[in-house]
Amino acid sequence: MDKGMGRDAGIFLVACLSGIASGMFGIGGGVLLVPLLGLLFSFSQHRAQGTSLVALIPPTGALALVAYASKGLVSWKTGLLLIPGVFAGGIVGGRLAGKLKPQRMRQVFAGILFALGTWEAFSAWWR
């Protein structure tokens, strides 16, 4: 197997793990795929984030939505209320990201993951 095929297989494996996490926990792109693309495949922070959006939003989001909706686990009103904010925030966030240097972008990303992970851990075990 040549180097390119090995890299492709590795990316496929990382994508499978991210897809499972996305379907099970609603995470995948930002929490797993973005860091793994950077750490394992030397993607810049910006390229990893952009690439994860291509891969996760249409296929995984739609399929996971169908699975959760079929079990009655979707708050449609809340979900629909989230759309304008996520849409506007995505535009603003994409523009702001373009103004950050790659190292700063990675630091901000890591800080957000750390803060949310810490908060989630405390609320899961000490609530």
C-alpha atoms as a PDB file:
ATOM      1  CA  MET A   1       0.000   0.000   0.000  1.00  0.00           C
ATOM      2  CA  ASP A   2       1.485   3.373  -0.965  1.00  0.00           C
ATOM      3  CA  LYS A   3       1.660   6.364   1.355  1.00  0.00           C
ATOM      4  CA  GLY A   4      -1.367   8.063  -0.239  1.00  0.00           C
ATOM      5  CA  MET A   5      -3.540   4.984   0.198  1.00  0.00           C
ATOM      6  CA  GLY A   6      -2.450   4.657   3.826  1.00  0.00           C
ATOM      7  CA  ARG A   7      -3.356   8.287   4.455  1.00  0.00           C
ATOM      8  CA  ASP A   8      -6.706   7.809   2.733  1.00  0.00           C
ATOM      9  CA  ALA A   9      -7.424   4.728   4.843  1.00  0.00           C
ATOM     10  CA  GLY A  10      -6.488   6.640   7.982  1.00  0.00           C
ATOM     11  CA  ILE A  11      -8.777   9.516   7.040  1.00  0.00           C
ATOM     12  CA  PHE A  12     -11.569   7.018   6.353  1.00  0.00           C
ATOM     13  CA  LEU A  13     -11.081   5.426   9.795  1.00  0.00           C
ATOM     14  CA  VAL A  14     -11.080   8.826  11.533  1.00  0.00           C
ATOM     15  CA  ALA A  15     -14.226   9.732   9.589  1.00  0.00           C
ATOM     16  CA  CYS A  16     -15.961   6.527  10.697  1.00  0.00           C
ATOM     17  CA  LEU A  17     -15.147   7.224  14.351  1.00  0.00           C
ATOM     18  CA  SER A  18     -16.336  10.821  13.994  1.00  0.00           C
ATOM     19  CA  GLY A  19     -19.545   9.693  12.326  1.00  0.00           C
ATOM     20  CA  ILE A  20     -20.278   7.235  15.130  1.00  0.00           C
ATOM     21  CA  ALA A  21     -19.654   9.941  17.736  1.00  0.00           C
ATOM     22  CA  SER A  22     -21.796  12.386  15.797  1.00  0.00           C
ATOM     23  CA  GLY A  23     -24.691   9.958  15.599  1.00  0.00           C
ATOM     24  CA  MET A  24     -24.418   8.867  19.222  1.00  0.00           C
ATOM     25  CA  PHE A  25     -23.560  12.102  20.994  1.00  0.00           C
ATOM     26  CA  GLY A  26     -24.163  14.936  18.545  1.00  0.00           C
ATOM     27  CA  ILE A  27     -20.414  15.566  18.341  1.00  0.00           C
ATOM     28  CA  GLY A  28     -17.920  14.618  15.723  1.00  0.00           C
ATOM     29  CA  GLY A  29     -16.792  17.468  13.504  1.00  0.00           C
ATOM     30  CA  GLY A  30     -15.565  20.061  15.935  1.00  0.00           C
ATOM     31  CA  VAL A  31     -14.740  17.782  18.810  1.00  0.00           C
ATOM     32  CA  LEU A  32     -13.087  14.862  17.021  1.00  0.00           C
ATOM     33  CA  LEU A  33     -12.601  15.316  13.308  1.00  0.00           C
ATOM     34  CA  VAL A  34     -11.037  18.780  13.421  1.00  0.00           C
ATOM     35  CA  PRO A  35      -8.394  17.930  16.050  1.00  0.00           C
ATOM     36  CA  LEU A  36      -7.611  14.555  14.465  1.00  0.00           C
ATOM     37  CA  LEU A  37      -7.161  16.056  10.999  1.00  0.00           C
ATOM     38  CA  GLY A  38      -4.680  18.488  12.521  1.00  0.00           C
ATOM     39  CA  LEU A  39      -2.865  16.074  14.801  1.00  0.00           C
ATOM     40  CA  LEU A  40      -2.724  13.003  12.554  1.00  0.00           C
ATOM     41  CA  PHE A  41      -2.726  14.506   9.067  1.00  0.00           C
ATOM     42  CA  SER A  42      -1.077  17.919   9.571  1.00  0.00           C
ATOM     43  CA  PHE A  43      -4.071  19.962   8.432  1.00  0.00           C
ATOM     44  CA  SER A  44      -4.006  23.611   9.462  1.00  0.00           C
ATOM     45  CA  GLN A  45      -6.737  24.581  11.906  1.00  0.00           C
ATOM     46  CA  HIS A  46      -8.587  26.505   9.207  1.00  0.00           C
ATOM     47  CA  ARG A  47      -8.405  23.663   6.647  1.00  0.00           C
ATOM     48  CA  ALA A  48      -9.471  21.064   9.221  1.00  0.00           C
ATOM     49  CA  GLN A  49     -12.518  23.113  10.209  1.00  0.00           C
ATOM     50  CA  GLY A  50     -13.537  23.801   6.618  1.00  0.00           C
ATOM     51  CA  THR A  51     -13.052  20.169   5.629  1.00  0.00           C
ATOM     52  CA  SER A  52     -15.121  18.893   8.545  1.00  0.00           C
ATOM     53  CA  LEU A  53     -18.029  21.113   7.499  1.00  0.00           C
ATOM     54  CA  VAL A  54     -18.078  19.518   4.050  1.00  0.00           C
ATOM     55  CA  ALA A  55     -18.023  16.027   5.498  1.00  0.00           C
ATOM     56  CA  LEU A  56     -20.372  16.237   8.454  1.00  0.00           C
ATOM     57  CA  ILE A  57     -23.159  18.703   7.946  1.00  0.00           C
ATOM     58  CA  PRO A  58     -25.031  17.235   4.967  1.00  0.00           C
ATOM     59  CA  PRO A  59     -24.682  13.448   5.350  1.00  0.00           C
ATOM     60  CA  THR A  60     -24.244  12.827   9.057  1.00  0.00           C
ATOM     61  CA  GLY A  61     -26.501  15.619  10.216  1.00  0.00           C
ATOM     62  CA  ALA A  62     -29.365  14.496   7.997  1.00  0.00           C
ATOM     63  CA  LEU A  63     -29.021  10.809   8.828  1.00  0.00           C
ATOM     64  CA  ALA A  64     -28.661  11.396  12.563  1.00  0.00           C
ATOM     65  CA  LEU A  65     -31.686  13.726  12.468  1.00  0.00           C
ATOM     66  CA  VAL A  66     -33.795  11.004  10.851  1.00  0.00           C
ATOM     67  CA  ALA A  67     -32.690   8.481  13.492  1.00  0.00           C
ATOM     68  CA  TYR A  68     -33.475  10.810  16.417  1.00  0.00           C
ATOM     69  CA  ALA A  69     -36.734  12.070  14.892  1.00  0.00           C
ATOM     70  CA  SER A  70     -37.989   8.527  14.329  1.00  0.00           C
ATOM     71  CA  LYS A  71     -37.716   8.006  18.091  1.00  0.00           C
ATOM     72  CA  GLY A  72     -39.415  11.311  18.928  1.00  0.00           C
ATOM     73  CA  LEU A  73     -36.192  12.806  20.298  1.00  0.00           C
ATOM     74  CA  VAL A  74     -36.250  16.110  18.402  1.00  0.00           C
ATOM     75  CA  SER A  75     -37.664  19.390  19.681  1.00  0.00           C
ATOM     76  CA  TRP A  76     -38.696  20.775  16.298  1.00  0.00           C
ATOM     77  CA  LYS A  77     -39.684  24.212  17.607  1.00  0.00           C
ATOM     78  CA  THR A  78     -36.357  24.718  19.363  1.00  0.00           C
ATOM     79  CA  GLY A  79     -34.457  23.315  16.402  1.00  0.00           C
ATOM     80  CA  LEU A  80     -36.179  25.690  14.007  1.00  0.00           C
ATOM     81  CA  LEU A  81     -35.532  28.610  16.360  1.00  0.00           C
ATOM     82  CA  LEU A  82     -31.817  27.718  16.340  1.00  0.00           C
ATOM     83  CA  ILE A  83     -31.489  27.941  12.540  1.00  0.00           C
ATOM     84  CA  PRO A  84     -31.296  31.743  12.119  1.00  0.00           C
ATOM     85  CA  GLY A  85     -28.737  32.114  14.913  1.00  0.00           C
ATOM     86  CA  VAL A  86     -26.591  29.255  13.671  1.00  0.00           C
ATOM     87  CA  PHE A  87     -26.826  30.585  10.111  1.00  0.00           C
ATOM     88  CA  ALA A  88     -25.839  34.150  11.068  1.00  0.00           C
ATOM     89  CA  GLY A  89     -23.234  32.902  13.527  1.00  0.00           C
ATOM     90  CA  GLY A  90     -21.715  30.651  10.874  1.00  0.00           C
ATOM     91  CA  ILE A  91     -21.263  33.594   8.523  1.00  0.00           C
ATOM     92  CA  VAL A  92     -19.761  35.827  11.208  1.00  0.00           C
ATOM     93  CA  GLY A  93     -17.613  33.001  12.598  1.00  0.00           C
ATOM     94  CA  GLY A  94     -16.270  32.116   9.158  1.00  0.00           C
ATOM     95  CA  ARG A  95     -15.262  35.726   8.555  1.00  0.00           C
ATOM     96  CA  LEU A  96     -13.658  36.060  11.986  1.00  0.00           C
ATOM     97  CA  ALA A  97     -11.760  32.805  11.492  1.00  0.00           C
ATOM     98  CA  GLY A  98     -10.232  34.179   8.317  1.00  0.00           C
ATOM     99  CA  LYS A  99      -8.724  37.049  10.327  1.00  0.00           C
ATOM    100  CA  LEU A 100      -6.987  34.807  12.870  1.00  0.00           C
ATOM    101  CA  LYS A 101      -3.546  33.350  12.375  1.00  0.00           C
ATOM    102  CA  PRO A 102      -3.505  29.515  12.369  1.00  0.00           C
ATOM    103  CA  GLN A 103      -1.741  29.241  15.749  1.00  0.00           C
ATOM    104  CA  ARG A 104      -4.213  31.640  17.440  1.00  0.00           C
ATOM    105  CA  MET A 105      -7.117  29.810  15.792  1.00  0.00           C
ATOM    106  CA  ARG A 106      -5.898  26.524  17.254  1.00  0.00           C
ATOM    107  CA  GLN A 107      -5.451  28.097  20.701  1.00  0.00           C
ATOM    108  CA  VAL A 108      -8.971  29.528  20.700  1.00  0.00           C
ATOM    109  CA  PHE A 109     -10.387  26.203  19.502  1.00  0.00           C
ATOM    110  CA  ALA A 110      -8.496  24.261  22.190  1.00  0.00           C
ATOM    111  CA  GLY A 111      -9.614  26.701  24.879  1.00  0.00           C
ATOM    112  CA  ILE A 112     -13.263  26.339  23.917  1.00  0.00           C
ATOM    113  CA  LEU A 113     -13.002  22.528  23.859  1.00  0.00           C
ATOM    114  CA  PHE A 114     -11.256  22.514  27.234  1.00  0.00           C
ATOM    115  CA  ALA A 115     -13.796  24.837  28.858  1.00  0.00           C
ATOM    116  CA  LEU A 116     -16.789  22.939  27.521  1.00  0.00           C
ATOM    117  CA  GLY A 117     -15.230  19.570  28.346  1.00  0.00           C
ATOM    118  CA  THR A 118     -14.540  20.661  31.914  1.00  0.00           C
ATOM    119  CA  TRP A 119     -18.063  22.013  32.327  1.00  0.00           C
ATOM    120  CA  GLU A 120     -19.573  18.831  30.858  1.00  0.00           C
ATOM    121  CA  ALA A 121     -17.442  16.603  33.097  1.00  0.00           C
ATOM    122  CA  PHE A 122     -18.434  18.460  36.256  1.00  0.00           C
ATOM    123  CA  SER A 123     -22.111  18.498  35.339  1.00  0.00           C
ATOM    124  CA  ALA A 124     -22.067  14.791  34.455  1.00  0.00           C
ATOM    125  CA  TRP A 125     -20.512  13.599  37.720  1.00  0.00           C
ATOM    126  CA  TRP A 126     -21.307  16.249  40.290  1.00  0.00           C
ATOM    127  CA  ARG A 127     -24.817  17.385  39.569  1.00  0.00           C
END
